[in-house]
Structure formats: C-alpha cells, structure tokens
C-alpha cells in the first residue's frame, strides 16, 4: 500500500463529526438528553479548528518545500 501524508485537519474533522454522531445516537436511545443547540456549536467549533489546523499544516509544508527547492537550486 502506498503511503500518504498525514493530514491532521482531516483527523480532527472526522473525530468531531464522530463525536456529534455519538451524541445524537445517545440522545436517540435515551441515554442522555442532548439539546440540538449544544451539538451545533461543538460541530462548528470543531470544524473551524480542523480548518485552522489544515491551513497551518499547509503553510508549514509549503515553507518546507520552498526551502528544499531553494537549497537544491544553489
């Protein structure tokens, strides 16, 4: 199997959506009483955090790639 690069933003987004799904599942089964207006901010905040992490990851990788290209041009 070919290796792929680690993408932490996608990991965070997946975990946040999994958490939202589990909260709704627990609410549906009657285990907890989670209001919808509590899950929405968690989801939006988590996806915003995932986007921020994705942008930072992209910036770091781009800078590293540019440094390597610059050093190989010399």
C-alpha atoms as a PDB file:
ATOM      1  CA  UNK A   1       0.000   0.000   0.000  1.00  0.00           C
ATOM      2  CA  UNK A   2       1.318   3.413  -0.922  1.00  0.00           C
ATOM      3  CA  UNK A   3       1.979   5.747   1.986  1.00  0.00           C
ATOM      4  CA  UNK A   4       0.180   9.036   2.149  1.00  0.00           C
ATOM      5  CA  UNK A   5       0.953  12.147   4.112  1.00  0.00           C
ATOM      6  CA  UNK A   6      -0.652  12.668   7.480  1.00  0.00           C
ATOM      7  CA  UNK A   7      -3.402  15.300   7.442  1.00  0.00           C
ATOM      8  CA  UNK A   8      -4.265  16.335  11.000  1.00  0.00           C
ATOM      9  CA  UNK A   9      -7.068  18.682   9.907  1.00  0.00           C
ATOM     10  CA  UNK A  10      -8.991  15.796   8.393  1.00  0.00           C
ATOM     11  CA  UNK A  11      -8.397  13.718  11.516  1.00  0.00           C
ATOM     12  CA  UNK A  12      -9.847  16.450  13.721  1.00  0.00           C
ATOM     13  CA  UNK A  13     -12.831  16.942  11.400  1.00  0.00           C
ATOM     14  CA  UNK A  14     -13.546  13.218  11.440  1.00  0.00           C
ATOM     15  CA  UNK A  15     -13.312  12.985  15.209  1.00  0.00           C
ATOM     16  CA  UNK A  16     -15.606  15.987  15.686  1.00  0.00           C
ATOM     17  CA  UNK A  17     -18.244  14.582  13.340  1.00  0.00           C
ATOM     18  CA  UNK A  18     -17.931  11.195  15.022  1.00  0.00           C
ATOM     19  CA  UNK A  19     -18.493  12.881  18.391  1.00  0.00           C
ATOM     20  CA  UNK A  20     -21.590  14.659  17.054  1.00  0.00           C
ATOM     21  CA  UNK A  21     -22.921  11.373  15.701  1.00  0.00           C
ATOM     22  CA  UNK A  22     -22.336   9.588  19.009  1.00  0.00           C
ATOM     23  CA  UNK A  23     -24.090  12.387  20.910  1.00  0.00           C
ATOM     24  CA  UNK A  24     -27.110  12.152  18.614  1.00  0.00           C
ATOM     25  CA  UNK A  25     -27.084   8.348  18.918  1.00  0.00           C
ATOM     26  CA  UNK A  26     -27.029   8.586  22.715  1.00  0.00           C
ATOM     27  CA  UNK A  27     -29.853  11.117  22.570  1.00  0.00           C
ATOM     28  CA  UNK A  28     -31.916   8.870  20.292  1.00  0.00           C
ATOM     29  CA  UNK A  29     -31.502   5.818  22.511  1.00  0.00           C
ATOM     30  CA  UNK A  30     -32.499   7.854  25.568  1.00  0.00           C
ATOM     31  CA  UNK A  31     -29.169   7.535  27.369  1.00  0.00           C
ATOM     32  CA  UNK A  32     -28.709  11.310  27.573  1.00  0.00           C
ATOM     33  CA  UNK A  33     -30.760  14.378  26.792  1.00  0.00           C
ATOM     34  CA  UNK A  34     -28.582  16.452  24.457  1.00  0.00           C
ATOM     35  CA  UNK A  35     -30.250  19.563  23.026  1.00  0.00           C
ATOM     36  CA  UNK A  36     -29.570  20.272  19.357  1.00  0.00           C
ATOM     37  CA  UNK A  37     -28.248  23.731  20.187  1.00  0.00           C
ATOM     38  CA  UNK A  38     -25.429  22.146  22.191  1.00  0.00           C
ATOM     39  CA  UNK A  39     -24.264  19.890  19.366  1.00  0.00           C
ATOM     40  CA  UNK A  40     -24.240  22.588  16.685  1.00  0.00           C
ATOM     41  CA  UNK A  41     -21.620  24.827  18.384  1.00  0.00           C
ATOM     42  CA  UNK A  42     -19.455  21.788  19.142  1.00  0.00           C
ATOM     43  CA  UNK A  43     -19.581  20.768  15.487  1.00  0.00           C
ATOM     44  CA  UNK A  44     -18.997  24.265  14.112  1.00  0.00           C
ATOM     45  CA  UNK A  45     -16.168  24.919  16.570  1.00  0.00           C
ATOM     46  CA  UNK A  46     -14.538  21.591  15.815  1.00  0.00           C
ATOM     47  CA  UNK A  47     -14.753  22.080  12.057  1.00  0.00           C
ATOM     48  CA  UNK A  48     -13.320  25.584  12.443  1.00  0.00           C
ATOM     49  CA  UNK A  49     -10.442  24.141  14.451  1.00  0.00           C
ATOM     50  CA  UNK A  50      -9.914  21.497  11.760  1.00  0.00           C
ATOM     51  CA  UNK A  51      -9.796  24.191   9.075  1.00  0.00           C
ATOM     52  CA  UNK A  52      -7.265  26.188  11.077  1.00  0.00           C
ATOM     53  CA  UNK A  53      -5.080  23.128  11.619  1.00  0.00           C
ATOM     54  CA  UNK A  54      -5.325  22.295   7.917  1.00  0.00           C
ATOM     55  CA  UNK A  55      -4.213  25.787   6.941  1.00  0.00           C
ATOM     56  CA  UNK A  56      -1.287  25.726   9.361  1.00  0.00           C
ATOM     57  CA  UNK A  57      -0.255  22.289   8.106  1.00  0.00           C
ATOM     58  CA  UNK A  58      -0.399  23.512   4.512  1.00  0.00           C
ATOM     59  CA  UNK A  59       1.674  26.603   5.331  1.00  0.00           C
ATOM     60  CA  UNK A  60       4.339  24.568   7.137  1.00  0.00           C
ATOM     61  CA  UNK A  61       4.599  22.033   4.321  1.00  0.00           C
ATOM     62  CA  UNK A  62       4.740  24.750   1.667  1.00  0.00           C
ATOM     63  CA  UNK A  63       7.502  26.565   3.543  1.00  0.00           C
ATOM     64  CA  UNK A  64       9.457  23.335   3.962  1.00  0.00           C
ATOM     65  CA  UNK A  65       9.032  22.508   0.259  1.00  0.00           C
ATOM     66  CA  UNK A  66      10.200  26.002  -0.725  1.00  0.00           C
ATOM     67  CA  UNK A  67      13.276  25.726   1.492  1.00  0.00           C
ATOM     68  CA  UNK A  68      14.212  22.381  -0.035  1.00  0.00           C
ATOM     69  CA  UNK A  69      13.732  23.726  -3.556  1.00  0.00           C
ATOM     70  CA  UNK A  70      15.787  26.822  -2.703  1.00  0.00           C
ATOM     71  CA  UNK A  71      18.660  24.789  -1.273  1.00  0.00           C
ATOM     72  CA  UNK A  72      18.719  22.457  -4.269  1.00  0.00           C
ATOM     73  CA  UNK A  73      18.922  25.431  -6.685  1.00  0.00           C
ATOM     74  CA  UNK A  74      22.199  26.585  -5.180  1.00  0.00           C
END
